[in-house]
N, C-alpha and C. Protein backbone atom coordinates (compact mmCIF):
# COMPACT_ATOMS: atom_id res chain seq x y z
N UNK A 1 211.16 47.24 80.09
CA UNK A 1 212.09 46.94 81.45
C UNK A 1 213.31 47.45 81.91
N UNK A 2 213.24 47.68 82.61
CA UNK A 2 214.86 48.45 83.01
C UNK A 2 216.50 47.74 83.45
N UNK A 3 216.10 46.28 83.31
CA UNK A 3 217.06 45.38 83.98
C UNK A 3 217.39 44.56 82.44
N UNK A 4 218.37 44.49 82.13
CA UNK A 4 218.50 43.40 81.06
C UNK A 4 219.91 42.52 81.39
N UNK A 5 220.47 41.73 80.27
CA UNK A 5 221.29 40.48 80.73
C UNK A 5 221.87 40.24 81.93
N UNK A 6 220.66 39.96 82.46
CA UNK A 6 220.63 39.02 83.93
C UNK A 6 221.53 37.44 83.93
N UNK A 7 222.62 37.27 84.46
CA UNK A 7 223.30 36.15 84.79
C UNK A 7 223.39 36.09 85.85
N UNK A 8 223.30 34.52 86.10
CA UNK A 8 224.00 33.94 87.73
C UNK A 8 225.09 33.19 87.31
N UNK A 9 226.04 33.79 87.89
CA UNK A 9 228.00 32.81 87.46
C UNK A 9 228.33 32.24 88.80
N UNK A 10 228.23 30.63 88.12
CA UNK A 10 228.61 29.98 89.44
C UNK A 10 230.45 30.28 89.63
N UNK A 11 230.97 29.88 90.98
CA UNK A 11 232.14 30.35 91.22
C UNK A 11 233.04 29.35 90.45
N UNK A 12 232.88 28.03 90.41
CA UNK A 12 233.97 27.42 89.43
C UNK A 12 233.57 26.91 88.20
N UNK A 13 234.57 26.36 87.38
CA UNK A 13 234.24 26.10 86.14
C UNK A 13 233.32 25.27 86.12
N UNK A 14 233.42 24.03 87.18
CA UNK A 14 232.70 22.59 86.87
C UNK A 14 231.22 22.92 87.23
N UNK A 15 230.95 23.81 88.23
CA UNK A 15 229.64 24.26 88.82
C UNK A 15 228.83 25.15 87.24
N UNK A 16 229.78 25.93 86.76
CA UNK A 16 229.10 26.38 85.82
C UNK A 16 228.76 26.07 84.71
N UNK A 17 229.25 24.92 84.47
CA UNK A 17 228.70 24.24 83.29
C UNK A 17 227.55 23.02 83.14
N UNK A 18 227.92 22.57 84.89
CA UNK A 18 227.26 21.59 85.01
C UNK A 18 225.89 22.01 86.03
N UNK A 19 226.33 23.12 86.63
CA UNK A 19 224.97 23.59 87.68
C UNK A 19 224.88 22.10 88.90
N UNK A 20 225.83 21.48 89.40
CA UNK A 20 225.67 20.52 90.15
C UNK A 20 226.59 20.80 91.47
N UNK A 21 225.66 20.14 92.48
CA UNK A 21 226.45 20.23 93.60
C UNK A 21 225.94 18.94 94.73
N UNK A 22 226.70 18.60 95.62
CA UNK A 22 226.42 17.72 96.49
C UNK A 22 225.95 18.71 97.39
N UNK A 23 225.69 18.02 98.76
CA UNK A 23 225.20 18.31 100.16
C UNK A 23 226.04 18.63 101.16
N UNK A 24 225.92 19.92 101.54
CA UNK A 24 227.17 20.16 102.55
C UNK A 24 228.55 21.20 101.66
N UNK A 25 228.33 20.96 100.52
CA UNK A 25 229.10 22.03 99.36
C UNK A 25 228.35 23.81 99.26
N UNK A 26 229.09 24.47 99.25
CA UNK A 26 228.95 25.54 99.28
C UNK A 26 228.45 26.34 97.31
N UNK A 27 227.25 26.90 97.56
CA UNK A 27 226.30 27.21 96.08
C UNK A 27 227.33 28.78 96.40
N UNK A 28 227.96 28.97 95.33
CA UNK A 28 228.59 30.60 95.20
C UNK A 28 228.82 31.37 94.18
N UNK A 29 228.83 32.64 93.79
CA UNK A 29 228.59 33.09 92.60
C UNK A 29 228.63 34.54 92.50
N UNK A 30 228.35 35.15 91.38
CA UNK A 30 228.21 36.33 90.88
C UNK A 30 226.72 36.66 90.12
N UNK A 31 226.00 37.53 91.01
CA UNK A 31 224.62 37.80 90.19
C UNK A 31 224.92 39.04 89.86
N UNK A 32 224.95 39.11 88.50
CA UNK A 32 225.37 40.37 86.98
C UNK A 32 224.01 40.55 86.70
N UNK A 33 223.62 42.27 86.23
CA UNK A 33 223.02 42.51 85.74
C UNK A 33 223.14 43.63 85.14
N UNK A 34 222.54 44.26 83.86
CA UNK A 34 222.60 45.64 83.36
C UNK A 34 221.36 46.35 83.46
N UNK A 35 221.63 47.54 84.14
CA UNK A 35 220.28 48.69 84.44
C UNK A 35 220.41 49.60 83.13
N UNK A 36 218.98 49.62 82.38
CA UNK A 36 219.22 50.45 80.86
C UNK A 36 218.43 52.08 81.63
N UNK A 37 217.91 51.76 83.00
CA UNK A 37 216.90 53.33 83.15
C UNK A 37 217.03 53.48 84.71
N UNK A 38 217.70 54.28 85.11
CA UNK A 38 217.79 54.10 86.82
C UNK A 38 216.86 54.07 87.44
N UNK A 39 216.35 53.62 88.27
CA UNK A 39 215.46 53.31 89.19
C UNK A 39 215.68 52.78 90.79
N UNK A 40 214.48 53.03 91.51
CA UNK A 40 214.77 52.99 93.25
C UNK A 40 214.41 51.31 93.61
N UNK A 41 215.24 50.81 94.67
CA UNK A 41 214.91 49.66 95.11
C UNK A 41 215.00 50.07 96.49
N UNK A 42 214.06 49.20 97.38
CA UNK A 42 214.31 48.76 98.72
C UNK A 42 215.01 47.70 99.15
N UNK A 43 215.11 47.19 98.39
CA UNK A 43 216.16 45.97 98.78
C UNK A 43 216.29 44.90 97.26
N UNK A 44 217.85 44.39 97.29
CA UNK A 44 217.97 43.21 96.22
C UNK A 44 217.92 41.84 97.04
N UNK A 45 217.18 41.11 96.58
CA UNK A 45 217.71 39.58 97.76
C UNK A 45 217.81 38.54 96.65
N UNK A 46 219.22 37.79 97.29
CA UNK A 46 218.75 36.45 96.52
C UNK A 46 218.27 35.39 97.65
N UNK A 47 217.69 34.15 96.94
CA UNK A 47 217.22 33.58 97.77
C UNK A 47 217.64 32.11 97.11
N UNK A 48 217.99 31.08 97.96
CA UNK A 48 218.33 29.67 97.85
C UNK A 48 217.29 28.61 98.30
N UNK A 49 216.39 28.36 97.23
CA UNK A 49 215.31 27.24 97.92
C UNK A 49 215.67 26.24 97.56
N UNK A 50 214.95 24.92 97.67
CA UNK A 50 215.14 23.74 97.42
C UNK A 50 213.78 22.88 97.74
N UNK A 51 212.32 22.35 97.41
CA UNK A 51 211.49 21.78 97.76
C UNK A 51 210.76 20.62 96.71
N UNK A 52 210.16 19.73 97.76
CA UNK A 52 209.36 18.70 97.10
C UNK A 52 208.17 19.07 96.63
N UNK A 53 207.27 18.87 95.30
CA UNK A 53 206.34 19.05 95.40
C UNK A 53 205.63 17.72 94.39
N UNK A 54 204.66 17.55 95.30
CA UNK A 54 203.61 15.98 94.77
C UNK A 54 202.20 16.42 94.22
N UNK A 55 201.60 16.14 93.37
CA UNK A 55 200.30 16.55 92.91
C UNK A 55 199.72 15.04 92.28
N UNK A 56 198.34 14.76 92.69
CA UNK A 56 197.46 13.74 91.84
C UNK A 56 195.89 13.82 92.12
N UNK A 57 195.42 13.10 91.59
CA UNK A 57 193.92 13.07 91.51
C UNK A 57 193.41 12.23 92.28
N UNK A 58 192.82 12.26 92.82
CA UNK A 58 191.93 11.44 94.06
C UNK A 58 190.10 11.72 93.88
N UNK A 59 189.68 10.39 94.09
CA UNK A 59 188.12 10.57 94.02
C UNK A 59 187.39 10.48 95.24
N UNK A 60 186.43 10.98 95.59
CA UNK A 60 185.89 11.59 96.96
C UNK A 60 184.59 10.41 97.30
N UNK A 61 184.02 10.53 98.36
CA UNK A 61 182.96 9.86 98.58
C UNK A 61 181.71 9.65 96.90
N UNK A 62 181.83 10.97 96.72
CA UNK A 62 180.59 11.00 96.13
C UNK A 62 180.91 11.03 94.41
N UNK A 63 182.32 10.04 93.98
CA UNK A 63 182.90 10.01 93.23
C UNK A 63 183.09 11.31 92.09
N UNK A 64 183.33 12.43 92.77
CA UNK A 64 183.92 13.92 92.38
C UNK A 64 185.57 13.42 92.47
N UNK A 65 186.52 13.72 91.01
CA UNK A 65 187.76 13.93 91.63
C UNK A 65 188.28 15.44 92.25
N UNK A 66 189.38 15.09 92.84
CA UNK A 66 189.56 16.16 93.41
C UNK A 66 191.44 16.25 93.06
N UNK A 67 191.68 17.55 92.85
CA UNK A 67 193.31 17.73 92.88
C UNK A 67 193.74 18.03 94.13
N UNK A 68 194.87 17.60 94.17
CA UNK A 68 195.47 17.54 95.79
C UNK A 68 196.73 17.77 95.39
N UNK A 69 197.82 18.64 96.00
CA UNK A 69 198.85 18.65 95.74
C UNK A 69 200.04 19.18 97.10
N UNK A 70 200.79 18.90 97.46
CA UNK A 70 201.41 18.86 98.51
C UNK A 70 203.05 19.37 98.46
N UNK A 71 203.50 20.09 99.65
CA UNK A 71 204.80 20.67 99.14
C UNK A 71 205.60 20.93 100.35
N UNK A 72 207.07 20.47 100.26
CA UNK A 72 207.52 20.56 101.26
C UNK A 72 209.30 21.15 101.06
N UNK A 73 209.11 22.10 102.13
CA UNK A 73 210.39 22.65 101.91
C UNK A 73 212.04 22.13 102.50
N UNK A 74 212.88 21.93 101.71
CA UNK A 74 214.12 21.01 102.13
C UNK A 74 215.17 22.34 102.11
N UNK A 75 215.28 23.80 102.09
CA UNK A 75 216.13 24.81 101.92
C UNK A 75 215.67 25.92 101.64
N UNK A 76 215.84 27.15 102.38
CA UNK A 76 215.09 28.17 102.31
C UNK A 76 215.99 29.49 102.63
N UNK A 77 217.14 29.84 102.19
CA UNK A 77 218.35 30.67 102.93
C UNK A 77 217.94 31.82 101.63
N UNK A 78 218.27 33.01 102.57
CA UNK A 78 218.07 34.35 101.89
C UNK A 78 219.65 35.04 102.71
N UNK A 79 219.71 35.84 100.93
CA UNK A 79 220.88 37.02 101.34
C UNK A 79 220.71 38.27 100.64
N UNK A 80 220.31 39.38 101.23
CA UNK A 80 220.25 40.50 101.02
C UNK A 80 221.73 41.11 100.17
N UNK A 81 221.74 41.18 99.20
CA UNK A 81 222.28 42.01 98.07
C UNK A 81 222.89 43.28 97.76
N UNK A 82 221.82 43.71 98.31
CA UNK A 82 221.38 45.52 98.25
C UNK A 82 220.22 45.77 99.47
N UNK A 83 220.59 46.43 100.75
CA UNK A 83 219.40 46.52 101.90
C UNK A 83 219.27 45.61 103.11
N UNK A 84 218.71 45.96 103.74
CA UNK A 84 218.73 44.97 104.65
C UNK A 84 217.32 44.37 105.40
N UNK A 85 217.20 43.50 105.70
CA UNK A 85 216.13 43.24 106.11
C UNK A 85 215.18 43.74 107.51
N UNK A 86 216.32 44.66 108.70
CA UNK A 86 215.97 45.28 109.25
C UNK A 86 216.00 46.66 109.21
N UNK A 87 215.70 47.34 108.19
CA UNK A 87 215.71 48.58 107.80
C UNK A 87 214.45 48.83 106.43
N UNK A 88 213.33 48.56 106.77
CA UNK A 88 212.50 48.89 105.84
C UNK A 88 212.38 49.98 105.06
N UNK A 89 212.36 50.98 105.73
CA UNK A 89 212.84 52.45 105.06
C UNK A 89 213.86 52.73 103.86
N UNK A 90 215.05 51.44 103.51
CA UNK A 90 215.80 51.60 103.22
C UNK A 90 215.48 51.95 101.52
N UNK A 91 216.15 53.06 101.27
CA UNK A 91 216.15 53.18 99.38
C UNK A 91 217.79 53.26 98.83
N UNK A 92 217.80 52.90 97.81
CA UNK A 92 218.84 53.03 96.80
C UNK A 92 218.96 53.14 95.49
N UNK A 93 219.14 54.15 94.75
CA UNK A 93 218.77 53.96 93.33
C UNK A 93 219.94 53.30 92.77
N UNK A 94 219.36 52.59 91.46
CA UNK A 94 220.08 51.42 90.78
C UNK A 94 220.75 52.51 89.31
N UNK A 95 221.78 52.77 89.20
CA UNK A 95 222.17 53.63 88.06
C UNK A 95 222.38 53.11 86.87
N UNK A 96 222.05 53.64 85.94
CA UNK A 96 222.37 52.71 84.42
C UNK A 96 223.80 52.40 84.43
N UNK A 97 224.14 50.60 83.97
CA UNK A 97 225.58 50.50 83.77
C UNK A 97 225.29 49.12 84.22
N UNK A 98 226.72 48.63 84.26
CA UNK A 98 226.47 47.01 84.87
C UNK A 98 226.74 47.11 86.54
N UNK A 99 226.11 45.80 87.17
CA UNK A 99 225.95 45.62 88.40
C UNK A 99 226.65 44.48 88.59
N UNK A 100 227.61 44.45 89.60
CA UNK A 100 227.61 42.92 90.45
C UNK A 100 227.64 42.25 91.59
N UNK A 101 226.98 41.45 91.96
CA UNK A 101 227.03 41.19 93.19
C UNK A 101 227.38 39.64 93.69
N UNK A 102 228.32 39.68 95.29
CA UNK A 102 228.44 37.92 95.30
C UNK A 102 227.53 37.50 95.96
N UNK A 103 227.47 36.21 96.09
CA UNK A 103 226.25 35.41 96.55
C UNK A 103 227.69 34.23 97.22
N UNK A 104 226.82 33.69 98.57
CA UNK A 104 227.18 32.32 98.82
C UNK A 104 226.20 31.46 99.84
N UNK A 105 225.63 30.53 99.78
CA UNK A 105 225.09 29.84 100.23
C UNK A 105 225.68 28.34 100.95
N UNK A 106 225.54 27.82 102.40
CA UNK A 106 226.48 26.65 102.38
C UNK A 106 225.10 25.78 102.54
N UNK A 107 224.77 24.33 101.25
CA UNK A 107 223.68 24.02 101.72
C UNK A 107 223.78 22.83 102.86
N UNK A 108 222.61 22.42 103.43
CA UNK A 108 222.63 21.47 104.55
C UNK A 108 223.01 19.97 104.03
N UNK A 109 223.29 19.01 104.98
CA UNK A 109 223.69 17.96 104.67
C UNK A 109 222.93 16.83 103.95
N UNK A 110 221.79 17.05 104.70
CA UNK A 110 220.90 15.95 104.11
C UNK A 110 219.73 16.24 103.20
N UNK A 111 219.97 16.79 102.07
CA UNK A 111 218.83 17.21 100.79
C UNK A 111 218.80 16.08 100.22
N UNK A 112 217.85 15.78 99.61
CA UNK A 112 217.31 14.46 98.82
C UNK A 112 217.87 15.30 97.55
N UNK A 113 218.05 13.79 96.46
CA UNK A 113 218.46 14.08 94.93
C UNK A 113 217.15 14.74 94.36
N UNK A 114 217.72 15.61 93.21
CA UNK A 114 216.80 16.74 92.40
C UNK A 114 215.85 15.47 91.56
N UNK A 115 215.10 15.83 91.34
CA UNK A 115 213.98 14.32 90.15
C UNK A 115 212.60 15.29 89.96
N UNK A 116 212.54 14.53 88.80
CA UNK A 116 211.44 15.08 88.10
C UNK A 116 210.56 14.33 87.43
N UNK A 117 209.38 14.52 87.79
CA UNK A 117 208.55 13.35 87.75
C UNK A 117 207.12 14.12 87.25
N UNK A 118 206.18 13.18 86.28
CA UNK A 118 204.89 13.96 85.80
C UNK A 118 204.10 14.43 87.13
N UNK A 119 204.00 13.37 88.22
CA UNK A 119 203.51 13.77 89.45
C UNK A 119 204.12 14.69 90.57
N UNK A 120 205.30 14.73 90.44
CA UNK A 120 205.84 15.22 91.63
C UNK A 120 207.43 14.97 90.60
N UNK A 121 208.38 16.36 91.55
CA UNK A 121 209.65 16.81 91.48
C UNK A 121 210.36 17.38 93.14
N UNK A 122 211.67 17.14 92.41
CA UNK A 122 212.31 17.75 93.76
C UNK A 122 213.69 18.62 93.03
N UNK A 123 213.22 19.97 93.58
CA UNK A 123 213.80 21.16 92.48
C UNK A 123 214.74 22.05 93.50
N UNK A 124 215.78 22.60 93.01
CA UNK A 124 216.66 23.70 93.12
C UNK A 124 217.06 24.76 92.57
N UNK A 125 216.42 25.83 93.31
CA UNK A 125 216.94 26.96 92.40
C UNK A 125 217.38 28.18 93.37
N UNK A 126 218.50 29.12 92.75
CA UNK A 126 218.65 30.66 93.24
C UNK A 126 217.29 31.82 92.17
N UNK A 127 216.96 32.25 93.38
CA UNK A 127 215.79 33.32 93.00
C UNK A 127 216.31 34.40 93.89
N UNK A 128 216.36 35.81 92.18
CA UNK A 128 216.89 36.91 92.88
C UNK A 128 215.59 37.88 92.37
N UNK A 129 215.39 38.84 93.71
CA UNK A 129 214.32 39.76 93.48
C UNK A 129 214.47 41.01 93.79
N UNK A 130 214.41 41.72 93.02
CA UNK A 130 214.69 43.10 93.07
C UNK A 130 212.94 44.02 93.83
N UNK A 131 213.15 44.32 95.11
CA UNK A 131 212.23 44.75 95.81
C UNK A 131 211.88 46.36 95.59
N UNK A 132 210.64 47.15 95.27
CA UNK A 132 210.71 48.12 94.60
C UNK A 132 209.58 48.97 95.89
N UNK A 133 209.59 50.02 95.87
CA UNK A 133 208.63 50.95 96.60
C UNK A 133 207.59 50.49 95.87
N UNK A 134 206.40 50.95 97.04
CA UNK A 134 205.11 50.61 96.81
C UNK A 134 204.61 51.33 95.68
N UNK A 135 204.84 52.34 95.51
CA UNK A 135 203.99 53.10 94.78
C UNK A 135 204.71 52.76 93.02
N UNK A 136 205.77 51.89 92.91
CA UNK A 136 206.13 51.58 91.93
C UNK A 136 205.18 50.01 91.25
N UNK A 137 204.55 49.27 92.32
CA UNK A 137 203.74 48.28 91.73
C UNK A 137 204.66 47.51 91.20
N UNK A 138 205.58 47.69 90.79
CA UNK A 138 206.68 46.09 90.01
C UNK A 138 207.59 45.84 90.66
N UNK A 139 207.85 44.79 90.84
CA UNK A 139 208.95 44.02 91.51
C UNK A 139 209.66 43.32 90.17
N UNK A 140 210.83 43.13 90.50
CA UNK A 140 211.73 42.17 89.01
C UNK A 140 211.80 40.99 89.75
N UNK A 141 211.90 39.84 88.90
CA UNK A 141 212.33 38.23 89.81
C UNK A 141 212.81 37.62 88.80
N UNK A 142 214.08 37.22 89.19
CA UNK A 142 214.82 36.18 88.30
C UNK A 142 215.05 34.93 88.88
N UNK A 143 215.27 33.81 88.07
CA UNK A 143 215.55 32.47 88.53
C UNK A 143 216.41 31.47 87.88
N UNK A 144 217.60 30.65 88.94
CA UNK A 144 218.27 30.29 88.23
C UNK A 144 218.61 28.37 89.18
N UNK A 145 218.14 27.36 88.22
CA UNK A 145 218.14 26.20 88.56
C UNK A 145 219.69 25.50 88.90
N UNK A 146 219.21 24.57 90.05
CA UNK A 146 220.63 23.62 90.02
C UNK A 146 220.15 22.28 90.53
N UNK A 147 221.26 21.42 90.03
CA UNK A 147 221.07 20.30 90.62
C UNK A 147 221.61 19.91 91.99
N UNK A 148 220.93 18.99 92.78
CA UNK A 148 221.38 18.66 93.64
C UNK A 148 221.81 17.24 93.73
N UNK A 149 223.14 16.19 93.74
CA UNK A 149 223.06 14.59 94.08
C UNK A 149 223.16 14.45 95.41
N UNK A 150 222.18 13.71 96.03
CA UNK A 150 222.17 13.30 97.70
C UNK A 150 222.91 12.17 97.38
N UNK A 151 223.60 12.19 98.79
CA UNK A 151 224.90 11.43 99.21
C UNK A 151 224.44 10.08 99.71
N UNK A 152 224.73 9.08 99.13
CA UNK A 152 224.27 7.97 100.06
C UNK A 152 225.71 7.17 100.26
N UNK A 153 225.07 6.48 102.03
CA UNK A 153 226.39 5.96 102.79
C UNK A 153 225.95 4.43 102.58
N UNK A 154 226.91 3.34 101.98
CA UNK A 154 226.42 2.14 101.77
C UNK A 154 226.80 1.54 103.12
N UNK A 155 227.80 1.96 103.39
CA UNK A 155 228.69 1.16 104.75
C UNK A 155 227.94 0.58 105.35
N UNK A 156 226.82 1.43 105.95
CA UNK A 156 225.84 0.96 106.68
C UNK A 156 224.89 -0.32 106.38
N UNK A 157 224.96 -0.40 105.48
CA UNK A 157 223.76 -1.63 104.49
C UNK A 157 224.92 -2.96 104.25
N UNK A 158 224.56 -3.81 105.23
CA UNK A 158 225.20 -5.28 104.79
C UNK A 158 224.88 -5.73 103.53
N UNK A 159 223.73 -5.48 102.84
CA UNK A 159 223.03 -6.10 101.47
C UNK A 159 223.96 -5.50 100.44
N UNK A 160 224.43 -4.28 100.63
CA UNK A 160 224.92 -3.30 99.50
C UNK A 160 226.35 -4.14 98.78
N UNK A 161 226.55 -4.94 99.28
CA UNK A 161 228.12 -5.47 99.08
C UNK A 161 227.68 -7.20 98.36
N UNK A 162 226.79 -7.57 98.67
CA UNK A 162 226.02 -8.75 98.27
C UNK A 162 226.16 -8.84 96.63
N UNK A 163 226.87 -9.96 95.82
CA UNK A 163 226.83 -9.97 94.52
C UNK A 163 225.20 -10.07 94.13
N UNK A 164 225.08 -10.22 92.87
CA UNK A 164 224.11 -10.15 92.54
C UNK A 164 224.43 -11.83 91.12
N UNK A 165 223.48 -12.77 90.88
CA UNK A 165 223.66 -13.45 90.26
C UNK A 165 222.31 -14.44 90.00
N UNK A 166 221.76 -13.93 88.60
CA UNK A 166 220.36 -14.44 88.05
C UNK A 166 221.11 -15.46 86.71
N UNK A 167 220.11 -16.28 86.52
CA UNK A 167 220.12 -17.18 85.58
C UNK A 167 218.39 -17.56 85.09
N UNK A 168 218.54 -17.41 83.47
CA UNK A 168 217.33 -17.54 83.06
C UNK A 168 217.57 -18.46 81.44
N UNK A 169 216.38 -19.16 81.49
CA UNK A 169 216.48 -19.89 80.10
C UNK A 169 214.95 -19.26 79.25
N UNK A 170 215.32 -19.59 77.99
CA UNK A 170 214.23 -19.29 76.87
C UNK A 170 214.41 -20.22 75.56
N UNK A 171 213.24 -20.72 75.41
CA UNK A 171 213.58 -21.75 74.63
C UNK A 171 212.82 -21.28 73.25
N UNK A 172 213.52 -21.49 71.96
CA UNK A 172 213.11 -20.99 70.97
C UNK A 172 212.47 -21.61 70.26
N UNK A 173 211.04 -21.42 69.56
CA UNK A 173 210.21 -22.16 68.68
C UNK A 173 209.09 -22.53 69.77
N UNK A 174 208.16 -23.29 69.26
CA UNK A 174 206.57 -23.43 70.35
C UNK A 174 207.06 -24.97 70.66
N UNK A 175 206.28 -25.51 71.07
CA UNK A 175 206.05 -26.66 72.18
C UNK A 175 206.50 -28.36 71.27
N UNK A 176 205.91 -27.94 70.01
CA UNK A 176 206.01 -28.78 69.35
C UNK A 176 207.27 -29.29 68.59
N UNK A 177 207.94 -28.04 67.87
CA UNK A 177 208.85 -27.80 66.97
C UNK A 177 210.00 -26.90 68.21
N UNK A 178 210.34 -27.09 69.27
CA UNK A 178 211.44 -26.26 69.77
C UNK A 178 212.49 -26.58 69.27
N UNK A 179 213.68 -25.72 69.45
CA UNK A 179 214.87 -25.47 68.93
C UNK A 179 216.03 -25.61 69.92
N UNK A 180 215.81 -25.79 71.19
CA UNK A 180 216.58 -25.53 72.00
C UNK A 180 216.70 -24.39 73.04
N UNK A 181 217.18 -24.47 74.09
CA UNK A 181 217.29 -23.36 74.51
C UNK A 181 218.01 -22.21 74.34
N UNK A 182 218.20 -21.04 75.02
CA UNK A 182 219.15 -20.36 74.99
C UNK A 182 219.19 -19.76 76.62
N UNK A 183 220.50 -20.36 76.88
CA UNK A 183 220.44 -20.30 78.36
C UNK A 183 221.65 -18.64 78.80
N UNK A 184 221.17 -17.85 79.63
CA UNK A 184 221.97 -16.71 80.21
C UNK A 184 222.15 -16.31 82.03
N UNK A 185 223.63 -16.36 81.61
CA UNK A 185 223.60 -16.09 83.15
C UNK A 185 224.25 -14.39 83.28
N UNK A 186 223.69 -14.06 84.27
CA UNK A 186 224.02 -12.55 84.51
C UNK A 186 224.41 -12.25 86.04
N UNK A 187 225.63 -11.55 86.26
CA UNK A 187 226.45 -11.71 87.52
C UNK A 187 226.64 -10.04 87.30
N UNK A 188 226.66 -9.22 88.93
CA UNK A 188 226.65 -8.12 88.92
C UNK A 188 227.70 -8.15 90.15
N UNK A 189 228.67 -7.21 90.64
CA UNK A 189 229.87 -7.25 91.61
C UNK A 189 229.19 -7.10 93.13
N UNK A 190 227.96 -6.07 92.66
CA UNK A 190 227.52 -6.25 94.17
C UNK A 190 226.03 -6.06 93.98
N UNK A 191 225.13 -5.44 94.70
CA UNK A 191 223.65 -5.13 95.04
C UNK A 191 223.58 -3.87 94.79
N UNK A 192 224.17 -2.74 95.13
CA UNK A 192 223.99 -1.54 95.29
C UNK A 192 225.37 -0.46 94.71
N UNK A 193 224.36 0.77 93.74
CA UNK A 193 225.55 1.81 93.41
C UNK A 193 225.04 3.28 93.63
N UNK A 194 225.78 4.01 93.42
CA UNK A 194 225.37 4.99 93.44
C UNK A 194 225.84 5.85 92.72
N UNK A 195 224.98 7.01 92.65
CA UNK A 195 225.03 7.90 91.01
C UNK A 195 226.64 7.78 90.66
N UNK A 196 227.10 7.84 89.55
CA UNK A 196 228.35 8.67 89.03
C UNK A 196 228.96 7.04 88.77
N UNK A 197 228.54 6.24 90.02
CA UNK A 197 229.60 5.16 89.30
C UNK A 197 229.13 4.03 88.04
N UNK A 198 230.17 3.55 87.82
CA UNK A 198 230.24 2.42 86.59
C UNK A 198 229.51 1.13 87.25
N UNK A 199 228.58 0.31 86.47
CA UNK A 199 228.05 -0.80 86.67
C UNK A 199 228.80 -1.95 86.10
N UNK A 200 229.78 -2.25 86.21
CA UNK A 200 230.27 -3.99 85.68
C UNK A 200 229.66 -4.90 85.83
N UNK A 201 229.07 -5.41 84.57
CA UNK A 201 228.20 -6.44 84.05
C UNK A 201 228.99 -7.50 83.15
N UNK A 202 229.15 -8.87 84.20
CA UNK A 202 229.17 -10.17 83.37
C UNK A 202 227.98 -10.76 82.73
N UNK A 203 227.91 -11.60 81.83
CA UNK A 203 226.96 -12.19 81.58
C UNK A 203 227.72 -13.04 80.40
N UNK A 204 227.15 -14.21 80.34
CA UNK A 204 227.24 -15.35 79.82
C UNK A 204 225.85 -16.09 78.86
N UNK A 205 225.76 -16.35 77.46
CA UNK A 205 224.90 -16.36 76.62
C UNK A 205 225.47 -17.39 76.13
N UNK A 206 224.46 -18.91 76.58
CA UNK A 206 224.95 -19.87 75.72
C UNK A 206 223.72 -20.46 74.66
N UNK A 207 223.95 -20.29 73.92
CA UNK A 207 222.84 -20.76 72.47
C UNK A 207 223.20 -22.03 72.38
N UNK A 208 221.93 -22.69 72.74
CA UNK A 208 221.96 -24.25 72.64
C UNK A 208 221.06 -24.57 71.43
N UNK A 209 220.49 -23.54 70.49
CA UNK A 209 219.89 -23.94 69.66
C UNK A 209 220.70 -24.02 68.07
N UNK A 210 220.10 -24.12 67.08
CA UNK A 210 220.49 -24.34 65.53
C UNK A 210 220.57 -23.07 64.94
N UNK A 211 219.95 -22.08 65.55
CA UNK A 211 219.90 -20.88 64.91
C UNK A 211 221.07 -20.27 65.33
N UNK A 212 221.53 -18.97 64.59
CA UNK A 212 222.61 -17.81 64.93
C UNK A 212 221.76 -16.81 65.56
N UNK A 213 222.55 -15.90 66.84
CA UNK A 213 222.23 -15.31 67.54
C UNK A 213 222.89 -14.07 66.74
N UNK A 214 222.35 -12.88 66.66
CA UNK A 214 222.65 -11.75 65.99
C UNK A 214 223.41 -10.47 66.73
N UNK A 215 222.97 -11.16 68.14
CA UNK A 215 223.70 -9.97 69.39
C UNK A 215 222.76 -10.26 70.45
N UNK A 216 223.49 -9.51 71.78
CA UNK A 216 222.72 -9.28 73.16
C UNK A 216 222.86 -7.95 73.58
N UNK A 217 221.96 -7.41 74.18
CA UNK A 217 222.32 -6.19 74.73
C UNK A 217 221.60 -6.34 76.34
N UNK A 218 221.64 -5.14 77.02
CA UNK A 218 221.54 -4.68 78.33
C UNK A 218 221.10 -3.60 78.70
N UNK A 219 219.81 -3.66 79.25
CA UNK A 219 219.19 -2.40 79.42
C UNK A 219 219.42 -2.13 80.65
N UNK A 220 219.14 -0.39 81.48
CA UNK A 220 218.96 -0.25 82.68
C UNK A 220 217.83 0.15 82.71
N UNK A 221 216.98 -0.06 83.87
CA UNK A 221 215.75 0.31 83.88
C UNK A 221 215.79 1.39 84.98
N UNK A 222 214.64 2.19 85.01
CA UNK A 222 214.15 2.53 86.73
C UNK A 222 213.10 2.29 86.94
N UNK A 223 212.47 1.72 87.71
CA UNK A 223 211.23 1.28 88.51
C UNK A 223 210.77 2.13 89.70
N UNK A 224 209.70 2.90 89.48
CA UNK A 224 209.11 4.08 90.42
C UNK A 224 207.71 3.29 90.95
N UNK A 225 207.99 3.29 92.24
CA UNK A 225 206.65 2.72 93.10
C UNK A 225 205.98 3.68 93.71
């Protein structure tokens, strides 16, 4: 291969470490690589893409399984680092040595949050591609993923600020030799939270049995429907 040490460096230290952005922000940085043997390109293109992919197995009327997959593009922006989409006859030699090119993409305001699941994902990535003359039959391609956290405005949802209060009673022992109940009360300040927030929990455990409790814990679950 004639290219090595390929790297995408994001503009600021926070983005470089976490690769995390919010809708409306600008993804910018430097695309660098080292050429070990001079070669010719028509263009070098950087693409910023985001898409949802869903796949599942369905059964038709004959009882045969059918694989179904659906894609939806949320973002597809293109920048020419070398060359132009309007000049198909452009040629440029990339000489041996270090090469650096700046890029910048403005993210749309309504992007969904990145997501990974067995049957679906929402992914965002930068893809750099070296388009070479047809006679070479070889294009080079490199990809770098980043994360998008979608913005959620809870101000328009009246339910968001409503507190949560739940009480549960658990009886220790069987019906013929019950040793008393353990009553737990669980409170949240409000119903809705956004990514990055802390969830403050108030819990009251009333042990009305003769047994000692070794402790209690709270678990946060994600339910997918």
